[in-house]
């Protein structure tokens, strides 16, 4: 594959030099006595292997576009996102809450993805993997992070505010009313990183998508328009997914008698 005119081609030797930063961190961990050396080495190796394999796969997919293949890759992304959340919180979630994660993550992300790809970007053909796969990955990845942050906050709130919630129930409040504060606080915690990222974007830092397009020779104005659009898509995906999860997930902390349970 030839590089676009004006784009600097990286050699394997140059990429190898970048691993010097990993060695620098390794020395820092050693000297500080922080037991993360194995994790650093494993993370570096796994990242390299995964990116190489994904690069080879995407190269083949881009050369052989097909709607079923694109749909399959999107489904795999969703499944892995769900699995990541479930694995991270496997000790803190019961079966009911796990089912909510499995339902709300695709329920919140897929409509946003379809709207963004078909209506906003208007990809032609609609299954073009060169656009669908990276844009979908950004929306699903950020939505997964949003659910993780919302879940972490909600679990902590139910642990530390259970007496307050029980008092609301004693006073006659419905479960949905009793947990309004928990849902609102958790939703705020979930979307705050996205909002903070939007605040600093363009002045404090250039986001990855925009930087990648500029480095590949795309006109900065076009790169900016794409970045604005994808940030709106990410905001929509994170917000919708997290909201649905918190609304349905908070109900799993109650039994049929509207009583709080220890584990959802």
C-alpha atoms as a PDB file:
ATOM      1  CA  UNK A   1       0.000   0.000   0.000  1.00  0.00           C
ATOM      2  CA  UNK A   2       1.490   3.335  -1.048  1.00  0.00           C
ATOM      3  CA  UNK A   3       1.469   6.268   1.343  1.00  0.00           C
ATOM      4  CA  UNK A   4      -0.369   9.470   0.339  1.00  0.00           C
ATOM      5  CA  UNK A   5       1.842  12.234  -0.991  1.00  0.00           C
ATOM      6  CA  UNK A   6       3.429  14.256   1.792  1.00  0.00           C
ATOM      7  CA  UNK A   7       2.909  11.599   4.482  1.00  0.00           C
ATOM      8  CA  UNK A   8       6.010  10.451   6.353  1.00  0.00           C
ATOM      9  CA  UNK A   9       6.454   6.697   6.152  1.00  0.00           C
ATOM     10  CA  UNK A  10       7.584   5.002   9.366  1.00  0.00           C
ATOM     11  CA  UNK A  11      10.107   2.171   9.216  1.00  0.00           C
ATOM     12  CA  UNK A  12      10.193  -0.756  11.619  1.00  0.00           C
ATOM     13  CA  UNK A  13      13.406   0.690  13.022  1.00  0.00           C
ATOM     14  CA  UNK A  14      11.727   3.998  13.832  1.00  0.00           C
ATOM     15  CA  UNK A  15       8.801   2.259  15.519  1.00  0.00           C
ATOM     16  CA  UNK A  16      11.296   0.175  17.488  1.00  0.00           C
ATOM     17  CA  UNK A  17      12.864   3.374  18.812  1.00  0.00           C
ATOM     18  CA  UNK A  18       9.474   4.334  20.263  1.00  0.00           C
ATOM     19  CA  UNK A  19       9.680   1.295  22.552  1.00  0.00           C
ATOM     20  CA  UNK A  20      12.367   3.228  24.379  1.00  0.00           C
ATOM     21  CA  UNK A  21       9.576   4.973  26.263  1.00  0.00           C
ATOM     22  CA  UNK A  22       8.399   1.609  27.601  1.00  0.00           C
ATOM     23  CA  UNK A  23      11.953   0.880  28.733  1.00  0.00           C
ATOM     24  CA  UNK A  24      12.064   4.256  30.449  1.00  0.00           C
ATOM     25  CA  UNK A  25       8.870   3.457  32.382  1.00  0.00           C
ATOM     26  CA  UNK A  26      10.246   0.016  33.229  1.00  0.00           C
ATOM     27  CA  UNK A  27      13.340   1.602  34.807  1.00  0.00           C
ATOM     28  CA  UNK A  28      11.151   4.041  36.754  1.00  0.00           C
ATOM     29  CA  UNK A  29       9.034   1.190  38.122  1.00  0.00           C
ATOM     30  CA  UNK A  30      12.136  -0.758  39.112  1.00  0.00           C
ATOM     31  CA  UNK A  31      13.715   2.142  40.939  1.00  0.00           C
ATOM     32  CA  UNK A  32      10.506   3.065  42.759  1.00  0.00           C
ATOM     33  CA  UNK A  33       9.817  -0.547  43.722  1.00  0.00           C
ATOM     34  CA  UNK A  34       6.388  -0.515  42.085  1.00  0.00           C
ATOM     35  CA  UNK A  35       5.461  -4.117  41.143  1.00  0.00           C
ATOM     36  CA  UNK A  36       4.076  -3.381  37.680  1.00  0.00           C
ATOM     37  CA  UNK A  37       6.950  -4.562  35.505  1.00  0.00           C
ATOM     38  CA  UNK A  38       5.217  -7.736  34.323  1.00  0.00           C
ATOM     39  CA  UNK A  39       2.014  -5.821  33.612  1.00  0.00           C
ATOM     40  CA  UNK A  40       3.929  -3.225  31.582  1.00  0.00           C
ATOM     41  CA  UNK A  41       5.717  -5.877  29.529  1.00  0.00           C
ATOM     42  CA  UNK A  42       2.521  -7.863  28.972  1.00  0.00           C
ATOM     43  CA  UNK A  43       0.524  -4.729  28.065  1.00  0.00           C
ATOM     44  CA  UNK A  44       3.188  -3.629  25.576  1.00  0.00           C
ATOM     45  CA  UNK A  45       3.403  -7.070  23.975  1.00  0.00           C
ATOM     46  CA  UNK A  46      -0.366  -7.538  23.860  1.00  0.00           C
ATOM     47  CA  UNK A  47      -0.952  -4.066  22.408  1.00  0.00           C
ATOM     48  CA  UNK A  48       1.610  -4.699  19.676  1.00  0.00           C
ATOM     49  CA  UNK A  49       0.237  -8.126  18.797  1.00  0.00           C
ATOM     50  CA  UNK A  50      -3.386  -6.963  18.795  1.00  0.00           C
ATOM     51  CA  UNK A  51      -2.687  -3.926  16.629  1.00  0.00           C
ATOM     52  CA  UNK A  52      -0.655  -5.948  14.120  1.00  0.00           C
ATOM     53  CA  UNK A  53      -3.415  -8.549  13.833  1.00  0.00           C
ATOM     54  CA  UNK A  54      -6.121  -5.894  13.570  1.00  0.00           C
ATOM     55  CA  UNK A  55      -4.102  -4.068  10.933  1.00  0.00           C
ATOM     56  CA  UNK A  56      -3.807  -7.211   8.828  1.00  0.00           C
ATOM     57  CA  UNK A  57      -7.510  -7.970   9.291  1.00  0.00           C
ATOM     58  CA  UNK A  58      -8.620  -4.447   8.396  1.00  0.00           C
ATOM     59  CA  UNK A  59      -6.403  -4.431   5.324  1.00  0.00           C
ATOM     60  CA  UNK A  60      -8.165  -7.568   4.083  1.00  0.00           C
ATOM     61  CA  UNK A  61     -11.641  -6.302   5.048  1.00  0.00           C
ATOM     62  CA  UNK A  62     -11.087  -2.968   3.304  1.00  0.00           C
ATOM     63  CA  UNK A  63     -10.096  -4.810   0.134  1.00  0.00           C
ATOM     64  CA  UNK A  64     -13.121  -7.145   0.343  1.00  0.00           C
ATOM     65  CA  UNK A  65     -16.034  -4.995   1.627  1.00  0.00           C
ATOM     66  CA  UNK A  66     -19.289  -6.833   2.334  1.00  0.00           C
ATOM     67  CA  UNK A  67     -22.299  -5.813   4.462  1.00  0.00           C
ATOM     68  CA  UNK A  68     -22.428  -9.108   6.371  1.00  0.00           C
ATOM     69  CA  UNK A  69     -18.731  -8.925   7.186  1.00  0.00           C
ATOM     70  CA  UNK A  70     -19.040  -5.347   8.420  1.00  0.00           C
ATOM     71  CA  UNK A  71     -22.096  -6.282  10.507  1.00  0.00           C
ATOM     72  CA  UNK A  72     -20.208  -9.235  11.981  1.00  0.00           C
ATOM     73  CA  UNK A  73     -17.294  -7.031  13.045  1.00  0.00           C
ATOM     74  CA  UNK A  74     -19.669  -4.525  14.657  1.00  0.00           C
ATOM     75  CA  UNK A  75     -21.363  -7.356  16.569  1.00  0.00           C
ATOM     76  CA  UNK A  76     -17.990  -8.654  17.731  1.00  0.00           C
ATOM     77  CA  UNK A  77     -17.124  -5.153  19.004  1.00  0.00           C
ATOM     78  CA  UNK A  78     -20.361  -5.005  20.998  1.00  0.00           C
ATOM     79  CA  UNK A  79     -19.855  -8.487  22.444  1.00  0.00           C
ATOM     80  CA  UNK A  80     -16.302  -7.706  23.527  1.00  0.00           C
ATOM     81  CA  UNK A  81     -17.443  -4.412  25.094  1.00  0.00           C
ATOM     82  CA  UNK A  82     -20.128  -6.235  27.100  1.00  0.00           C
ATOM     83  CA  UNK A  83     -17.674  -8.946  28.102  1.00  0.00           C
ATOM     84  CA  UNK A  84     -15.137  -6.342  29.262  1.00  0.00           C
ATOM     85  CA  UNK A  85     -17.660  -4.672  31.577  1.00  0.00           C
ATOM     86  CA  UNK A  86     -18.903  -7.998  32.957  1.00  0.00           C
ATOM     87  CA  UNK A  87     -15.370  -9.229  33.600  1.00  0.00           C
ATOM     88  CA  UNK A  88     -14.352  -6.005  35.331  1.00  0.00           C
ATOM     89  CA  UNK A  89     -17.292  -6.110  37.761  1.00  0.00           C
ATOM     90  CA  UNK A  90     -17.959  -9.854  37.908  1.00  0.00           C
ATOM     91  CA  UNK A  91     -17.600  -9.978  41.712  1.00  0.00           C
ATOM     92  CA  UNK A  92     -19.924  -7.021  42.306  1.00  0.00           C
ATOM     93  CA  UNK A  93     -22.846  -7.817  40.021  1.00  0.00           C
ATOM     94  CA  UNK A  94     -25.598 -10.341  40.309  1.00  0.00           C
ATOM     95  CA  UNK A  95     -27.348 -12.056  37.372  1.00  0.00           C
ATOM     96  CA  UNK A  96     -30.024  -9.372  36.993  1.00  0.00           C
ATOM     97  CA  UNK A  97     -27.575  -6.505  36.708  1.00  0.00           C
ATOM     98  CA  UNK A  98     -25.412  -8.477  34.277  1.00  0.00           C
ATOM     99  CA  UNK A  99     -28.445  -8.939  32.028  1.00  0.00           C
ATOM    100  CA  UNK A 100     -29.039  -5.188  32.101  1.00  0.00           C
ATOM    101  CA  UNK A 101     -25.475  -4.589  30.902  1.00  0.00           C
ATOM    102  CA  UNK A 102     -25.916  -7.138  28.114  1.00  0.00           C
ATOM    103  CA  UNK A 103     -29.110  -5.454  26.907  1.00  0.00           C
ATOM    104  CA  UNK A 104     -28.491  -1.732  27.404  1.00  0.00           C
ATOM    105  CA  UNK A 105     -25.013  -1.499  25.879  1.00  0.00           C
ATOM    106  CA  UNK A 106     -26.145  -2.577  22.387  1.00  0.00           C
ATOM    107  CA  UNK A 107     -29.526  -0.908  22.899  1.00  0.00           C
ATOM    108  CA  UNK A 108     -27.857   2.434  23.556  1.00  0.00           C
ATOM    109  CA  UNK A 109     -24.991   2.302  21.067  1.00  0.00           C
ATOM    110  CA  UNK A 110     -26.468   0.720  17.924  1.00  0.00           C
ATOM    111  CA  UNK A 111     -29.181   3.363  17.261  1.00  0.00           C
ATOM    112  CA  UNK A 112     -26.584   6.116  17.704  1.00  0.00           C
ATOM    113  CA  UNK A 113     -24.202   4.294  15.351  1.00  0.00           C
ATOM    114  CA  UNK A 114     -26.891   3.787  12.692  1.00  0.00           C
ATOM    115  CA  UNK A 115     -27.980   7.431  12.870  1.00  0.00           C
ATOM    116  CA  UNK A 116     -24.401   8.685  12.790  1.00  0.00           C
ATOM    117  CA  UNK A 117     -23.298   6.458   9.880  1.00  0.00           C
ATOM    118  CA  UNK A 118     -26.441   6.716   7.738  1.00  0.00           C
ATOM    119  CA  UNK A 119     -27.758  10.212   8.488  1.00  0.00           C
ATOM    120  CA  UNK A 120     -24.878  12.346   9.740  1.00  0.00           C
ATOM    121  CA  UNK A 121     -21.874  11.023   7.770  1.00  0.00           C
ATOM    122  CA  UNK A 122     -24.021   9.451   5.016  1.00  0.00           C
ATOM    123  CA  UNK A 123     -21.493   6.731   4.236  1.00  0.00           C
ATOM    124  CA  UNK A 124     -21.790   5.317   0.712  1.00  0.00           C
ATOM    125  CA  UNK A 125     -22.103   2.406   0.486  1.00  0.00           C
ATOM    126  CA  UNK A 126     -23.609   2.202   3.941  1.00  0.00           C
ATOM    127  CA  UNK A 127     -21.460  -0.802   4.914  1.00  0.00           C
ATOM    128  CA  UNK A 128     -18.126   0.746   3.862  1.00  0.00           C
ATOM    129  CA  UNK A 129     -15.810  -0.746   6.512  1.00  0.00           C
ATOM    130  CA  UNK A 130     -13.222   2.033   6.136  1.00  0.00           C
ATOM    131  CA  UNK A 131     -15.712   4.371   7.810  1.00  0.00           C
ATOM    132  CA  UNK A 132     -18.057   2.084   9.736  1.00  0.00           C
ATOM    133  CA  UNK A 133     -15.463   0.130  11.725  1.00  0.00           C
ATOM    134  CA  UNK A 134     -13.339   2.981  13.185  1.00  0.00           C
ATOM    135  CA  UNK A 135     -16.331   5.247  13.863  1.00  0.00           C
ATOM    136  CA  UNK A 136     -18.259   2.400  15.480  1.00  0.00           C
ATOM    137  CA  UNK A 137     -15.233   1.497  17.585  1.00  0.00           C
ATOM    138  CA  UNK A 138     -14.983   5.017  18.987  1.00  0.00           C
ATOM    139  CA  UNK A 139     -18.664   5.182  19.929  1.00  0.00           C
ATOM    140  CA  UNK A 140     -18.776   1.686  21.454  1.00  0.00           C
ATOM    141  CA  UNK A 141     -15.482   2.139  23.314  1.00  0.00           C
ATOM    142  CA  UNK A 142     -16.538   5.403  24.919  1.00  0.00           C
ATOM    143  CA  UNK A 143     -20.005   4.040  25.735  1.00  0.00           C
ATOM    144  CA  UNK A 144     -18.379   1.050  27.425  1.00  0.00           C
ATOM    145  CA  UNK A 145     -16.302   3.435  29.531  1.00  0.00           C
ATOM    146  CA  UNK A 146     -19.435   5.434  30.367  1.00  0.00           C
ATOM    147  CA  UNK A 147     -21.273   2.330  31.581  1.00  0.00           C
ATOM    148  CA  UNK A 148     -18.236   1.295  33.638  1.00  0.00           C
ATOM    149  CA  UNK A 149     -18.038   4.683  35.336  1.00  0.00           C
ATOM    150  CA  UNK A 150     -21.800   4.784  35.926  1.00  0.00           C
ATOM    151  CA  UNK A 151     -21.801   1.255  37.284  1.00  0.00           C
ATOM    152  CA  UNK A 152     -18.902   1.959  39.636  1.00  0.00           C
ATOM    153  CA  UNK A 153     -20.617   5.081  40.950  1.00  0.00           C
ATOM    154  CA  UNK A 154     -24.017   3.386  41.310  1.00  0.00           C
ATOM    155  CA  UNK A 155     -22.606   0.429  43.255  1.00  0.00           C
ATOM    156  CA  UNK A 156     -20.738   2.758  45.601  1.00  0.00           C
ATOM    157  CA  UNK A 157     -23.840   4.887  46.147  1.00  0.00           C
ATOM    158  CA  UNK A 158     -25.998   1.885  47.000  1.00  0.00           C
ATOM    159  CA  UNK A 159     -23.359   0.726  49.478  1.00  0.00           C
ATOM    160  CA  UNK A 160     -23.041   4.039  51.279  1.00  0.00           C
ATOM    161  CA  UNK A 161     -26.535   5.495  50.883  1.00  0.00           C
ATOM    162  CA  UNK A 162     -28.698   2.445  51.544  1.00  0.00           C
ATOM    163  CA  UNK A 163     -30.084   3.915  54.776  1.00  0.00           C
ATOM    164  CA  UNK A 164     -31.112   7.096  52.995  1.00  0.00           C
ATOM    165  CA  UNK A 165     -32.832   5.062  50.273  1.00  0.00           C
ATOM    166  CA  UNK A 166     -34.618   2.916  52.858  1.00  0.00           C
ATOM    167  CA  UNK A 167     -35.875   6.046  54.595  1.00  0.00           C
ATOM    168  CA  UNK A 168     -37.374   7.267  51.331  1.00  0.00           C
ATOM    169  CA  UNK A 169     -39.079   3.900  50.913  1.00  0.00           C
ATOM    170  CA  UNK A 170     -40.453   4.043  54.465  1.00  0.00           C
ATOM    171  CA  UNK A 171     -41.904   7.475  53.697  1.00  0.00           C
ATOM    172  CA  UNK A 172     -43.813   5.950  50.789  1.00  0.00           C
ATOM    173  CA  UNK A 173     -41.564   6.754  47.844  1.00  0.00           C
ATOM    174  CA  UNK A 174     -41.428   4.414  44.893  1.00  0.00           C
ATOM    175  CA  UNK A 175     -38.032   2.795  44.207  1.00  0.00           C
ATOM    176  CA  UNK A 176     -37.538   5.026  41.161  1.00  0.00           C
ATOM    177  CA  UNK A 177     -38.081   8.096  43.336  1.00  0.00           C
ATOM    178  CA  UNK A 178     -35.855   6.805  46.120  1.00  0.00           C
ATOM    179  CA  UNK A 179     -32.892   6.328  43.774  1.00  0.00           C
ATOM    180  CA  UNK A 180     -33.234   9.535  41.770  1.00  0.00           C
ATOM    181  CA  UNK A 181     -30.212  11.018  43.519  1.00  0.00           C
ATOM    182  CA  UNK A 182     -28.161   7.880  42.912  1.00  0.00           C
ATOM    183  CA  UNK A 183     -29.050   7.780  39.216  1.00  0.00           C
ATOM    184  CA  UNK A 184     -28.336  11.487  38.737  1.00  0.00           C
ATOM    185  CA  UNK A 185     -24.971  11.337  40.524  1.00  0.00           C
ATOM    186  CA  UNK A 186     -23.933   8.218  38.617  1.00  0.00           C
ATOM    187  CA  UNK A 187     -24.995   9.698  35.292  1.00  0.00           C
ATOM    188  CA  UNK A 188     -22.995  12.821  36.049  1.00  0.00           C
ATOM    189  CA  UNK A 189     -19.917  10.720  36.892  1.00  0.00           C
ATOM    190  CA  UNK A 190     -20.294   8.778  33.637  1.00  0.00           C
ATOM    191  CA  UNK A 191     -20.533  11.709  31.219  1.00  0.00           C
ATOM    192  CA  UNK A 192     -18.150  14.096  33.014  1.00  0.00           C
ATOM    193  CA  UNK A 193     -14.959  12.712  31.356  1.00  0.00           C
ATOM    194  CA  UNK A 194     -16.533  13.196  27.921  1.00  0.00           C
ATOM    195  CA  UNK A 195     -17.548  16.752  28.758  1.00  0.00           C
ATOM    196  CA  UNK A 196     -14.093  17.543  30.149  1.00  0.00           C
ATOM    197  CA  UNK A 197     -12.546  16.131  26.991  1.00  0.00           C
ATOM    198  CA  UNK A 198     -14.747  18.400  24.889  1.00  0.00           C
ATOM    199  CA  UNK A 199     -13.747  21.431  26.975  1.00  0.00           C
ATOM    200  CA  UNK A 200     -10.040  20.929  26.357  1.00  0.00           C
ATOM    201  CA  UNK A 201     -10.271  19.770  22.754  1.00  0.00           C
ATOM    202  CA  UNK A 202      -8.582  21.993  20.191  1.00  0.00           C
ATOM    203  CA  UNK A 203      -6.755  24.224  22.699  1.00  0.00           C
ATOM    204  CA  UNK A 204      -5.150  21.924  25.259  1.00  0.00           C
ATOM    205  CA  UNK A 205      -4.838  18.907  22.965  1.00  0.00           C
ATOM    206  CA  UNK A 206      -5.690  17.643  19.492  1.00  0.00           C
ATOM    207  CA  UNK A 207      -7.811  14.465  19.616  1.00  0.00           C
ATOM    208  CA  UNK A 208      -6.560  11.237  18.102  1.00  0.00           C
ATOM    209  CA  UNK A 209      -8.932  11.094  15.141  1.00  0.00           C
ATOM    210  CA  UNK A 210      -8.194  14.656  14.080  1.00  0.00           C
ATOM    211  CA  UNK A 211      -4.436  14.213  14.530  1.00  0.00           C
ATOM    212  CA  UNK A 212      -4.507  10.989  12.523  1.00  0.00           C
ATOM    213  CA  UNK A 213      -6.364  12.606   9.644  1.00  0.00           C
ATOM    214  CA  UNK A 214      -4.023  15.605   9.576  1.00  0.00           C
ATOM    215  CA  UNK A 215      -0.977  13.321   9.628  1.00  0.00           C
ATOM    216  CA  UNK A 216      -2.462  11.344   6.740  1.00  0.00           C
ATOM    217  CA  UNK A 217      -2.730  14.500   4.629  1.00  0.00           C
ATOM    218  CA  UNK A 218      -6.387  15.456   5.138  1.00  0.00           C
ATOM    219  CA  UNK A 219      -7.179  19.162   5.069  1.00  0.00           C
ATOM    220  CA  UNK A 220      -7.373  20.431   8.702  1.00  0.00           C
ATOM    221  CA  UNK A 221     -10.813  21.953   8.087  1.00  0.00           C
ATOM    222  CA  UNK A 222     -12.237  18.592   7.011  1.00  0.00           C
ATOM    223  CA  UNK A 223     -10.512  16.889   9.954  1.00  0.00           C
ATOM    224  CA  UNK A 224     -12.103  19.399  12.321  1.00  0.00           C
ATOM    225  CA  UNK A 225     -15.581  18.775  10.901  1.00  0.00           C
ATOM    226  CA  UNK A 226     -15.136  15.015  11.305  1.00  0.00           C
ATOM    227  CA  UNK A 227     -13.898  15.458  14.871  1.00  0.00           C
ATOM    228  CA  UNK A 228     -16.830  17.659  15.848  1.00  0.00           C
ATOM    229  CA  UNK A 229     -19.274  15.166  14.355  1.00  0.00           C
ATOM    230  CA  UNK A 230     -17.712  12.122  16.039  1.00  0.00           C
ATOM    231  CA  UNK A 231     -17.578  13.907  19.400  1.00  0.00           C
ATOM    232  CA  UNK A 232     -21.299  14.584  19.147  1.00  0.00           C
ATOM    233  CA  UNK A 233     -21.805  10.915  18.282  1.00  0.00           C
ATOM    234  CA  UNK A 234     -19.676   9.829  21.235  1.00  0.00           C
ATOM    235  CA  UNK A 235     -21.582  12.162  23.552  1.00  0.00           C
ATOM    236  CA  UNK A 236     -24.868  10.737  22.317  1.00  0.00           C
ATOM    237  CA  UNK A 237     -23.705   7.145  22.652  1.00  0.00           C
ATOM    238  CA  UNK A 238     -22.276   7.595  26.139  1.00  0.00           C
ATOM    239  CA  UNK A 239     -25.302   9.509  27.388  1.00  0.00           C
ATOM    240  CA  UNK A 240     -28.000   7.232  25.962  1.00  0.00           C
ATOM    241  CA  UNK A 241     -26.253   4.001  26.911  1.00  0.00           C
ATOM    242  CA  UNK A 242     -25.460   5.118  30.448  1.00  0.00           C
ATOM    243  CA  UNK A 243     -28.912   6.572  31.031  1.00  0.00           C
ATOM    244  CA  UNK A 244     -30.658   3.374  29.939  1.00  0.00           C
ATOM    245  CA  UNK A 245     -28.301   1.285  32.040  1.00  0.00           C
ATOM    246  CA  UNK A 246     -28.778   3.365  35.189  1.00  0.00           C
ATOM    247  CA  UNK A 247     -32.559   3.537  34.871  1.00  0.00           C
ATOM    248  CA  UNK A 248     -32.964  -0.215  34.392  1.00  0.00           C
ATOM    249  CA  UNK A 249     -29.944  -1.210  36.458  1.00  0.00           C
ATOM    250  CA  UNK A 250     -31.076   0.683  39.545  1.00  0.00           C
ATOM    251  CA  UNK A 251     -34.276  -1.385  39.599  1.00  0.00           C
ATOM    252  CA  UNK A 252     -32.300  -4.589  40.084  1.00  0.00           C
ATOM    253  CA  UNK A 253     -31.323  -3.453  43.596  1.00  0.00           C
ATOM    254  CA  UNK A 254     -34.941  -3.992  44.689  1.00  0.00           C
ATOM    255  CA  UNK A 255     -37.040  -7.136  44.993  1.00  0.00           C
ATOM    256  CA  UNK A 256     -40.704  -7.489  44.048  1.00  0.00           C
ATOM    257  CA  UNK A 257     -41.701  -6.104  47.463  1.00  0.00           C
ATOM    258  CA  UNK A 258     -39.715  -2.896  46.745  1.00  0.00           C
ATOM    259  CA  UNK A 259     -37.130  -3.834  49.327  1.00  0.00           C
ATOM    260  CA  UNK A 260     -33.401  -3.215  48.897  1.00  0.00           C
ATOM    261  CA  UNK A 261     -31.309  -6.301  48.188  1.00  0.00           C
ATOM    262  CA  UNK A 262     -27.646  -6.831  48.983  1.00  0.00           C
ATOM    263  CA  UNK A 263     -26.558  -7.592  45.416  1.00  0.00           C
ATOM    264  CA  UNK A 264     -28.368  -6.769  42.202  1.00  0.00           C
END
